[in-house]
Every structure is written in structure tokens, then in C-alpha cells.
C-alpha atoms as a PDB file:
ATOM      1  CA  UNK A   1       0.000   0.000   0.000  1.00  0.00           C
ATOM      2  CA  UNK A   2       2.843   2.367   0.874  1.00  0.00           C
ATOM      3  CA  UNK A   3       4.504   1.615  -2.472  1.00  0.00           C
ATOM      4  CA  UNK A   4       1.275   2.338  -4.339  1.00  0.00           C
ATOM      5  CA  UNK A   5       0.807   5.638  -2.496  1.00  0.00           C
ATOM      6  CA  UNK A   6       4.389   6.721  -3.235  1.00  0.00           C
ATOM      7  CA  UNK A   7       3.921   5.834  -6.935  1.00  0.00           C
ATOM      8  CA  UNK A   8       0.730   7.894  -7.087  1.00  0.00           C
ATOM      9  CA  UNK A   9       2.475  10.837  -5.387  1.00  0.00           C
ATOM     10  CA  UNK A  10       5.427  10.577  -7.825  1.00  0.00           C
ATOM     11  CA  UNK A  11       3.091  10.454 -10.818  1.00  0.00           C
ATOM     12  CA  UNK A  12       1.148  13.414  -9.463  1.00  0.00           C
ATOM     13  CA  UNK A  13       4.331  15.449  -8.997  1.00  0.00           C
ATOM     14  CA  UNK A  14       5.513  14.525 -12.487  1.00  0.00           C
ATOM     15  CA  UNK A  15       2.141  15.427 -13.950  1.00  0.00           C
ATOM     16  CA  UNK A  16       2.203  18.814 -12.179  1.00  0.00           C
ATOM     17  CA  UNK A  17       5.775  19.486 -13.325  1.00  0.00           C
ATOM     18  CA  UNK A  18       5.095  18.687 -16.969  1.00  0.00           C
ATOM     19  CA  UNK A  19       1.790  20.553 -16.970  1.00  0.00           C
ATOM     20  CA  UNK A  20       3.577  23.625 -15.599  1.00  0.00           C
ATOM     21  CA  UNK A  21       6.416  23.269 -18.148  1.00  0.00           C
ATOM     22  CA  UNK A  22       4.017  22.908 -21.073  1.00  0.00           C
ATOM     23  CA  UNK A  23       2.014  25.922 -19.867  1.00  0.00           C
ATOM     24  CA  UNK A  24       5.215  27.979 -19.841  1.00  0.00           C
ATOM     25  CA  UNK A  25       6.039  26.879 -23.399  1.00  0.00           C
ATOM     26  CA  UNK A  26       2.506  27.757 -24.565  1.00  0.00           C
ATOM     27  CA  UNK A  27       2.763  31.143 -22.852  1.00  0.00           C
ATOM     28  CA  UNK A  28       6.180  31.840 -24.396  1.00  0.00           C
ATOM     29  CA  UNK A  29       4.990  31.000 -27.922  1.00  0.00           C
ATOM     30  CA  UNK A  30       1.859  33.139 -27.567  1.00  0.00           C
ATOM     31  CA  UNK A  31       3.810  36.078 -26.117  1.00  0.00           C
ATOM     32  CA  UNK A  32       6.341  35.973 -28.975  1.00  0.00           C
ATOM     33  CA  UNK A  33       3.471  35.693 -31.471  1.00  0.00           C
ATOM     34  CA  UNK A  34       1.617  38.615 -29.892  1.00  0.00           C
ATOM     35  CA  UNK A  35       4.823  40.685 -29.758  1.00  0.00           C
ATOM     36  CA  UNK A  36       5.457  40.163 -33.477  1.00  0.00           C
ATOM     37  CA  UNK A  37       1.949  41.371 -34.304  1.00  0.00           C
ATOM     38  CA  UNK A  38       2.114  44.402 -32.001  1.00  0.00           C
ATOM     39  CA  UNK A  39       5.557  45.445 -33.242  1.00  0.00           C
ATOM     40  CA  UNK A  40       4.709  45.179 -36.937  1.00  0.00           C
ATOM     41  CA  UNK A  41       0.978  45.843 -37.254  1.00  0.00           C
ATOM     42  CA  UNK A  42       0.662  48.494 -34.558  1.00  0.00           C
ATOM     43  CA  UNK A  43       4.009  50.259 -34.936  1.00  0.00           C
ATOM     44  CA  UNK A  44       6.106  49.589 -38.044  1.00  0.00           C
ATOM     45  CA  UNK A  45       3.116  49.591 -40.403  1.00  0.00           C
ATOM     46  CA  UNK A  46       2.224  53.240 -39.811  1.00  0.00           C
ATOM     47  CA  UNK A  47       5.549  54.664 -38.552  1.00  0.00           C
ATOM     48  CA  UNK A  48       7.266  54.122 -41.924  1.00  0.00           C
ATOM     49  CA  UNK A  49       4.703  56.383 -43.612  1.00  0.00           C
ATOM     50  CA  UNK A  50       5.886  59.249 -41.388  1.00  0.00           C
ATOM     51  CA  UNK A  51       9.414  59.119 -42.829  1.00  0.00           C
ATOM     52  CA  UNK A  52       9.596  62.260 -45.028  1.00  0.00           C
ATOM     53  CA  UNK A  53      12.120  60.844 -47.511  1.00  0.00           C
ATOM     54  CA  UNK A  54      10.363  57.516 -48.001  1.00  0.00           C
ATOM     55  CA  UNK A  55       7.997  57.748 -50.965  1.00  0.00           C
ATOM     56  CA  UNK A  56       4.557  56.199 -50.449  1.00  0.00           C
ATOM     57  CA  UNK A  57       4.933  53.579 -53.172  1.00  0.00           C
ATOM     58  CA  UNK A  58       8.319  52.553 -51.738  1.00  0.00           C
ATOM     59  CA  UNK A  59       6.788  52.299 -48.244  1.00  0.00           C
ATOM     60  CA  UNK A  60       4.032  50.086 -49.690  1.00  0.00           C
ATOM     61  CA  UNK A  61       6.629  47.851 -51.312  1.00  0.00           C
ATOM     62  CA  UNK A  62       8.463  47.548 -47.988  1.00  0.00           C
ATOM     63  CA  UNK A  63       5.156  46.871 -46.256  1.00  0.00           C
ATOM     64  CA  UNK A  64       4.099  44.026 -48.511  1.00  0.00           C
ATOM     65  CA  UNK A  65       7.423  42.272 -47.931  1.00  0.00           C
ATOM     66  CA  UNK A  66       7.337  42.870 -44.163  1.00  0.00           C
ATOM     67  CA  UNK A  67       3.780  41.547 -43.844  1.00  0.00           C
ATOM     68  CA  UNK A  68       4.566  38.488 -45.961  1.00  0.00           C
ATOM     69  CA  UNK A  69       7.437  37.757 -43.554  1.00  0.00           C
ATOM     70  CA  UNK A  70       5.166  38.443 -40.549  1.00  0.00           C
ATOM     71  CA  UNK A  71       2.519  36.031 -41.830  1.00  0.00           C
ATOM     72  CA  UNK A  72       5.180  33.348 -42.378  1.00  0.00           C
ATOM     73  CA  UNK A  73       6.528  33.859 -38.836  1.00  0.00           C
ATOM     74  CA  UNK A  74       3.015  33.757 -37.367  1.00  0.00           C
ATOM     75  CA  UNK A  75       2.161  30.561 -39.233  1.00  0.00           C
ATOM     76  CA  UNK A  76       5.363  29.007 -37.879  1.00  0.00           C
ATOM     77  CA  UNK A  77       4.508  30.054 -34.318  1.00  0.00           C
ATOM     78  CA  UNK A  78       0.905  28.836 -34.620  1.00  0.00           C
ATOM     79  CA  UNK A  79       2.125  25.499 -35.977  1.00  0.00           C
ATOM     80  CA  UNK A  80       4.605  25.167 -33.101  1.00  0.00           C
ATOM     81  CA  UNK A  81       1.880  26.009 -30.583  1.00  0.00           C
ATOM     82  CA  UNK A  82      -0.607  23.426 -31.878  1.00  0.00           C
ATOM     83  CA  UNK A  83       2.082  20.794 -32.425  1.00  0.00           C
ATOM     84  CA  UNK A  84       3.148  21.119 -28.798  1.00  0.00           C
ATOM     85  CA  UNK A  85      -0.378  21.444 -27.465  1.00  0.00           C
ATOM     86  CA  UNK A  86      -1.977  18.586 -29.363  1.00  0.00           C
ATOM     87  CA  UNK A  87       0.580  16.223 -30.892  1.00  0.00           C
ATOM     88  CA  UNK A  88       3.289  16.143 -28.218  1.00  0.00           C
ATOM     89  CA  UNK A  89       0.709  16.371 -25.473  1.00  0.00           C
ATOM     90  CA  UNK A  90      -1.092  13.264 -26.722  1.00  0.00           C
ATOM     91  CA  UNK A  91       2.166  11.348 -27.196  1.00  0.00           C
ATOM     92  CA  UNK A  92       3.491  12.298 -23.732  1.00  0.00           C
ATOM     93  CA  UNK A  93       1.117  10.729 -21.245  1.00  0.00           C
ATOM     94  CA  UNK A  94       1.547   9.668 -17.676  1.00  0.00           C
ATOM     95  CA  UNK A  95      -0.881   7.221 -16.148  1.00  0.00           C
ATOM     96  CA  UNK A  96      -3.277   7.804 -19.056  1.00  0.00           C
ATOM     97  CA  UNK A  97      -3.549  11.542 -18.427  1.00  0.00           C
ATOM     98  CA  UNK A  98      -2.565  14.231 -20.885  1.00  0.00           C
ATOM     99  CA  UNK A  99       0.077  16.612 -19.613  1.00  0.00           C
ATOM    100  CA  UNK A 100      -1.907  19.722 -20.418  1.00  0.00           C
ATOM    101  CA  UNK A 101      -5.517  20.759 -20.408  1.00  0.00           C
ATOM    102  CA  UNK A 102      -6.527  20.780 -24.077  1.00  0.00           C
ATOM    103  CA  UNK A 103     -10.202  21.249 -23.324  1.00  0.00           C
ATOM    104  CA  UNK A 104     -12.376  23.455 -25.497  1.00  0.00           C
ATOM    105  CA  UNK A 105     -12.221  26.183 -22.841  1.00  0.00           C
ATOM    106  CA  UNK A 106      -8.418  26.208 -22.702  1.00  0.00           C
ATOM    107  CA  UNK A 107      -8.078  26.014 -26.494  1.00  0.00           C
ATOM    108  CA  UNK A 108     -10.792  28.493 -27.525  1.00  0.00           C
ATOM    109  CA  UNK A 109      -8.766  31.724 -27.524  1.00  0.00           C
ATOM    110  CA  UNK A 110      -5.710  30.279 -29.345  1.00  0.00           C
ATOM    111  CA  UNK A 111      -8.114  28.648 -31.828  1.00  0.00           C
ATOM    112  CA  UNK A 112      -9.761  32.025 -32.525  1.00  0.00           C
ATOM    113  CA  UNK A 113      -6.321  33.644 -32.977  1.00  0.00           C
ATOM    114  CA  UNK A 114      -5.278  30.865 -35.372  1.00  0.00           C
ATOM    115  CA  UNK A 115      -8.515  31.129 -37.361  1.00  0.00           C
ATOM    116  CA  UNK A 116      -7.982  34.889 -37.694  1.00  0.00           C
ATOM    117  CA  UNK A 117      -4.404  34.315 -38.847  1.00  0.00           C
ATOM    118  CA  UNK A 118      -5.525  31.864 -41.533  1.00  0.00           C
ATOM    119  CA  UNK A 119      -8.229  34.279 -42.713  1.00  0.00           C
ATOM    120  CA  UNK A 120      -5.696  37.114 -42.883  1.00  0.00           C
ATOM    121  CA  UNK A 121      -2.900  35.140 -44.526  1.00  0.00           C
ATOM    122  CA  UNK A 122      -4.932  33.369 -47.192  1.00  0.00           C
ATOM    123  CA  UNK A 123      -7.835  35.722 -47.891  1.00  0.00           C
ATOM    124  CA  UNK A 124      -7.317  39.322 -46.752  1.00  0.00           C
ATOM    125  CA  UNK A 125      -3.546  39.739 -47.242  1.00  0.00           C
ATOM    126  CA  UNK A 126      -3.666  38.690 -50.933  1.00  0.00           C
ATOM    127  CA  UNK A 127      -6.273  41.419 -51.493  1.00  0.00           C
ATOM    128  CA  UNK A 128      -4.044  43.978 -49.769  1.00  0.00           C
ATOM    129  CA  UNK A 129      -1.033  42.819 -51.818  1.00  0.00           C
ATOM    130  CA  UNK A 130      -2.964  43.426 -55.059  1.00  0.00           C
ATOM    131  CA  UNK A 131      -3.880  46.907 -53.826  1.00  0.00           C
ATOM    132  CA  UNK A 132      -0.262  47.628 -52.834  1.00  0.00           C
ATOM    133  CA  UNK A 133       1.045  46.375 -56.200  1.00  0.00           C
ATOM    134  CA  UNK A 134      -1.370  48.663 -58.064  1.00  0.00           C
ATOM    135  CA  UNK A 135      -0.224  51.673 -56.023  1.00  0.00           C
ATOM    136  CA  UNK A 136       3.440  50.778 -56.504  1.00  0.00           C
ATOM    137  CA  UNK A 137       2.975  50.575 -60.286  1.00  0.00           C
ATOM    138  CA  UNK A 138       1.122  53.901 -60.213  1.00  0.00           C
ATOM    139  CA  UNK A 139       3.942  55.435 -58.162  1.00  0.00           C
ATOM    140  CA  UNK A 140       6.494  54.430 -60.792  1.00  0.00           C
ATOM    141  CA  UNK A 141       4.457  55.756 -63.743  1.00  0.00           C
ATOM    142  CA  UNK A 142       6.513  58.352 -65.586  1.00  0.00           C
ATOM    143  CA  UNK A 143       9.786  57.216 -63.997  1.00  0.00           C
ATOM    144  CA  UNK A 144      12.420  56.632 -66.658  1.00  0.00           C
ATOM    145  CA  UNK A 145      14.162  53.260 -66.844  1.00  0.00           C
ATOM    146  CA  UNK A 146      17.409  55.185 -66.641  1.00  0.00           C
ATOM    147  CA  UNK A 147      16.466  56.234 -63.112  1.00  0.00           C
ATOM    148  CA  UNK A 148      15.862  52.639 -61.985  1.00  0.00           C
ATOM    149  CA  UNK A 149      18.181  49.742 -61.302  1.00  0.00           C
ATOM    150  CA  UNK A 150      17.877  46.530 -63.317  1.00  0.00           C
ATOM    151  CA  UNK A 151      16.211  44.815 -60.343  1.00  0.00           C
ATOM    152  CA  UNK A 152      13.669  47.653 -60.031  1.00  0.00           C
ATOM    153  CA  UNK A 153      12.875  47.527 -63.746  1.00  0.00           C
ATOM    154  CA  UNK A 154      12.354  43.771 -63.569  1.00  0.00           C
ATOM    155  CA  UNK A 155      10.115  44.079 -60.500  1.00  0.00           C
ATOM    156  CA  UNK A 156       7.984  46.803 -62.092  1.00  0.00           C
ATOM    157  CA  UNK A 157       7.479  44.657 -65.212  1.00  0.00           C
ATOM    158  CA  UNK A 158       6.334  41.775 -62.982  1.00  0.00           C
ATOM    159  CA  UNK A 159       4.003  43.998 -60.946  1.00  0.00           C
ATOM    160  CA  UNK A 160       2.500  45.546 -64.087  1.00  0.00           C
ATOM    161  CA  UNK A 161       1.907  42.068 -65.448  1.00  0.00           C
ATOM    162  CA  UNK A 162       0.228  41.044 -62.176  1.00  0.00           C
ATOM    163  CA  UNK A 163      -2.005  44.081 -61.913  1.00  0.00           C
ATOM    164  CA  UNK A 164      -2.502  45.703 -65.316  1.00  0.00           C
ATOM    165  CA  UNK A 165      -2.086  42.938 -67.863  1.00  0.00           C
ATOM    166  CA  UNK A 166      -4.108  40.434 -65.830  1.00  0.00           C
ATOM    167  CA  UNK A 167      -6.767  43.115 -65.289  1.00  0.00           C
ATOM    168  CA  UNK A 168      -7.027  42.368 -61.589  1.00  0.00           C
ATOM    169  CA  UNK A 169      -9.669  44.402 -59.819  1.00  0.00           C
ATOM    170  CA  UNK A 170      -8.088  46.538 -57.102  1.00  0.00           C
ATOM    171  CA  UNK A 171      -9.771  45.659 -53.778  1.00  0.00           C
ATOM    172  CA  UNK A 172     -11.370  48.318 -51.603  1.00  0.00           C
ATOM    173  CA  UNK A 173      -9.378  50.112 -48.915  1.00  0.00           C
ATOM    174  CA  UNK A 174     -11.899  48.791 -46.353  1.00  0.00           C
ATOM    175  CA  UNK A 175      -9.825  45.605 -46.183  1.00  0.00           C
ATOM    176  CA  UNK A 176      -7.145  47.592 -44.333  1.00  0.00           C
ATOM    177  CA  UNK A 177      -9.627  48.392 -41.569  1.00  0.00           C
ATOM    178  CA  UNK A 178     -10.855  44.788 -41.449  1.00  0.00           C
ATOM    179  CA  UNK A 179      -7.250  43.594 -41.170  1.00  0.00           C
ATOM    180  CA  UNK A 180      -6.438  46.026 -38.327  1.00  0.00           C
ATOM    181  CA  UNK A 181      -9.600  45.052 -36.431  1.00  0.00           C
ATOM    182  CA  UNK A 182      -8.736  41.354 -36.752  1.00  0.00           C
ATOM    183  CA  UNK A 183      -5.166  42.038 -35.591  1.00  0.00           C
ATOM    184  CA  UNK A 184      -6.546  43.716 -32.475  1.00  0.00           C
ATOM    185  CA  UNK A 185      -8.857  40.768 -31.721  1.00  0.00           C
ATOM    186  CA  UNK A 186      -5.999  38.322 -32.324  1.00  0.00           C
ATOM    187  CA  UNK A 187      -3.661  40.133 -29.912  1.00  0.00           C
ATOM    188  CA  UNK A 188      -6.397  40.285 -27.260  1.00  0.00           C
ATOM    189  CA  UNK A 189      -7.072  36.550 -27.624  1.00  0.00           C
ATOM    190  CA  UNK A 190      -3.388  35.672 -27.276  1.00  0.00           C
ATOM    191  CA  UNK A 191      -2.789  37.911 -24.271  1.00  0.00           C
ATOM    192  CA  UNK A 192      -5.954  36.878 -22.432  1.00  0.00           C
ATOM    193  CA  UNK A 193      -4.986  33.235 -23.018  1.00  0.00           C
ATOM    194  CA  UNK A 194      -1.501  33.826 -21.569  1.00  0.00           C
ATOM    195  CA  UNK A 195      -2.915  35.612 -18.525  1.00  0.00           C
ATOM    196  CA  UNK A 196      -5.260  32.666 -17.888  1.00  0.00           C
ATOM    197  CA  UNK A 197      -2.418  30.114 -17.604  1.00  0.00           C
END
């Protein structure tokens, strides 16, 4: 009986330790994810337009590359979060118990943040990229090839082909506001989730 009790106590301590460790990993991933979004979407995105020597079409070109990188980083973080939360958690069991609470309640906020990310990355961002490309092409109208590098000339040809020659309809500017609103909700979800751990 004493041996059984000591085994149960050891398992309980191990379960508590691993649950605490996994919670810290989840919190770290969500904090890094939230920090990326706040730094880029709520600071870099609008600060660059205040630089007096940075032309608007150049700022838009920078922005589309920065946000593509941000989306890639976010998708990597979201994948890491769910891999650790679901896959590793299911594989790492003690006494038939999962090491972390993956209940609907505990997973709701990260699930909302992930759903928003997928909506942004695969539906809204492509619309914003088309709009940015159109404005970049417009910004370079009238600029002589002599005033551009070979790389710039090549990029402009590609952008013109994407926007003008393919006759893509330029999406409404309202998608910027939708994107910002979703970013705000996503950051709130991530931070509330972290504070609940």
C-alpha cells in the first residue's frame, strides 16, 4: 500500500511538473506571437509612412514584404503552438492523463487567434497585396528606366503584369480596416490566453 501511495504521489508530482512546463512553453509562444503582431501591425506599419524621404509607393513595397514575412513567422509560431499542445501532449502521457488541459475552454482563444491568422494570410492579405502592387505601379508611372536599377525595372514589369495585364480588380481600402480590427482581436485573444495560464 505504501509503495502504491508513493507511486501515485510521484506520478502526481511529475504530472504537475510537466503541466507547468508545457504551460510555460505555450505562454512563451503566444507572447512571442503577440509581440510580433504588435511590433509590426501596430508600430512599423504606420511609422514608416511618417518618414519624409520615403515615398509612399516605396513604403508600400516595404510593407508588402514585411507583412509576408510576418505572416510566415506567425504561421510558424501557430504550428509550433498546436504541435506542442496537441501532438506532443497526446504522445506524452503519464498514467493515461494528458500533460496539459486541451479542453475546449483552454483552447478556444488560441483557436480564434489561429482562425484569424488563416483568414488574414490566405484571404485578406492577398487582397491587400494586389492593392499595394497597383499603387506601386502607379507610383512608378513616368519614372524613366534610366532612373531605376535593373532589379527595379524587372520588379515593375512583374508587378504591371500582375495588376494591369491580368486586369485584376483593385480591392477596396476597407480591407485595411478589417485587417487592423482582426489584428486587435488576435492580440487580445493571445494575451488573455496567456494571462489565464
